[in-house]
C-alpha atoms as a PDB file:
ATOM      1  CA  MET A   1      -0.010   0.001  -0.002  1.00  0.00           C
ATOM      2  CA  THR A   2       1.292   3.418  -0.897  1.00  0.00           C
ATOM      3  CA  ASP A   3       1.379   6.070   1.768  1.00  0.00           C
ATOM      4  CA  ILE A   4      -0.632   9.133   1.056  1.00  0.00           C
ATOM      5  CA  ARG A   5       0.931  12.379   2.279  1.00  0.00           C
ATOM      6  CA  LEU A   6      -1.762  15.125   2.613  1.00  0.00           C
ATOM      7  CA  THR A   7       1.058  17.701   2.482  1.00  0.00           C
ATOM      8  CA  GLN A   8       1.502  16.947  -1.163  1.00  0.00           C
ATOM      9  CA  TYR A   9      -1.749  18.672  -1.858  1.00  0.00           C
ATOM     10  CA  ALA A  10      -0.837  21.889  -0.076  1.00  0.00           C
ATOM     11  CA  ARG A  11       0.873  24.820  -1.693  1.00  0.00           C
ATOM     12  CA  GLY A  12       2.142  26.115   1.641  1.00  0.00           C
ATOM     13  CA  GLY A  13       3.443  24.526   4.788  1.00  0.00           C
ATOM     14  CA  GLY A  14       0.953  25.695   7.373  1.00  0.00           C
ATOM     15  CA  CYS A  15      -2.558  24.563   8.091  1.00  0.00           C
ATOM     16  CA  SER A  16      -4.032  27.944   6.949  1.00  0.00           C
ATOM     17  CA  CYS A  17      -2.396  27.430   3.531  1.00  0.00           C
ATOM     18  CA  LYS A  18      -4.543  24.457   2.792  1.00  0.00           C
ATOM     19  CA  ILE A  19      -7.822  26.453   2.763  1.00  0.00           C
ATOM     20  CA  PRO A  20      -8.278  29.510   0.584  1.00  0.00           C
ATOM     21  CA  PRO A  21      -8.946  32.689   2.682  1.00  0.00           C
ATOM     22  CA  GLY A  22     -12.513  33.136   1.369  1.00  0.00           C
ATOM     23  CA  GLU A  23     -13.407  29.606   2.212  1.00  0.00           C
ATOM     24  CA  LEU A  24     -11.748  29.770   5.583  1.00  0.00           C
ATOM     25  CA  GLU A  25     -13.817  32.971   6.412  1.00  0.00           C
ATOM     26  CA  THR A  26     -17.016  31.152   5.392  1.00  0.00           C
ATOM     27  CA  VAL A  27     -16.217  28.103   7.604  1.00  0.00           C
ATOM     28  CA  LEU A  28     -15.197  30.192  10.614  1.00  0.00           C
ATOM     29  CA  THR A  29     -18.315  32.360  10.315  1.00  0.00           C
ATOM     30  CA  ALA A  30     -20.511  29.266  10.247  1.00  0.00           C
ATOM     31  CA  LEU A  31     -18.732  27.800  13.198  1.00  0.00           C
ATOM     32  CA  ASN A  32     -19.002  30.991  15.210  1.00  0.00           C
ATOM     33  CA  ALA A  33     -22.703  31.246  14.341  1.00  0.00           C
ATOM     34  CA  GLY A  34     -23.232  27.785  15.891  1.00  0.00           C
ATOM     35  CA  LEU A  35     -21.469  28.666  19.157  1.00  0.00           C
ATOM     36  CA  THR A  36     -23.223  30.286  21.969  1.00  0.00           C
ATOM     37  CA  GLN A  37     -21.457  30.939  25.249  1.00  0.00           C
ATOM     38  CA  GLU A  38     -22.788  32.853  28.173  1.00  0.00           C
ATOM     39  CA  ARG A  39     -20.276  34.441  30.314  1.00  0.00           C
ATOM     40  CA  ASP A  40     -20.818  35.629  33.837  1.00  0.00           C
ATOM     41  CA  ALA A  41     -18.647  37.365  36.435  1.00  0.00           C
ATOM     42  CA  THR A  42     -17.809  34.013  38.126  1.00  0.00           C
ATOM     43  CA  PRO A  43     -14.477  32.488  37.016  1.00  0.00           C
ATOM     44  CA  ALA A  44     -14.723  28.901  35.742  1.00  0.00           C
ATOM     45  CA  HIS A  45     -11.769  27.847  37.924  1.00  0.00           C
ATOM     46  CA  PRO A  46     -11.135  29.201  41.456  1.00  0.00           C
END
């Protein structure tokens, strides 16, 4: 079996290089829209 190296499909070396900026913005916007977090004055860890 031949090893498949995902890095051979990337033009750059970092993770952000694998996704075009416009697509990354769309994905992050969708992720942020699905997140809801209520914050209060009480710290999570004492």
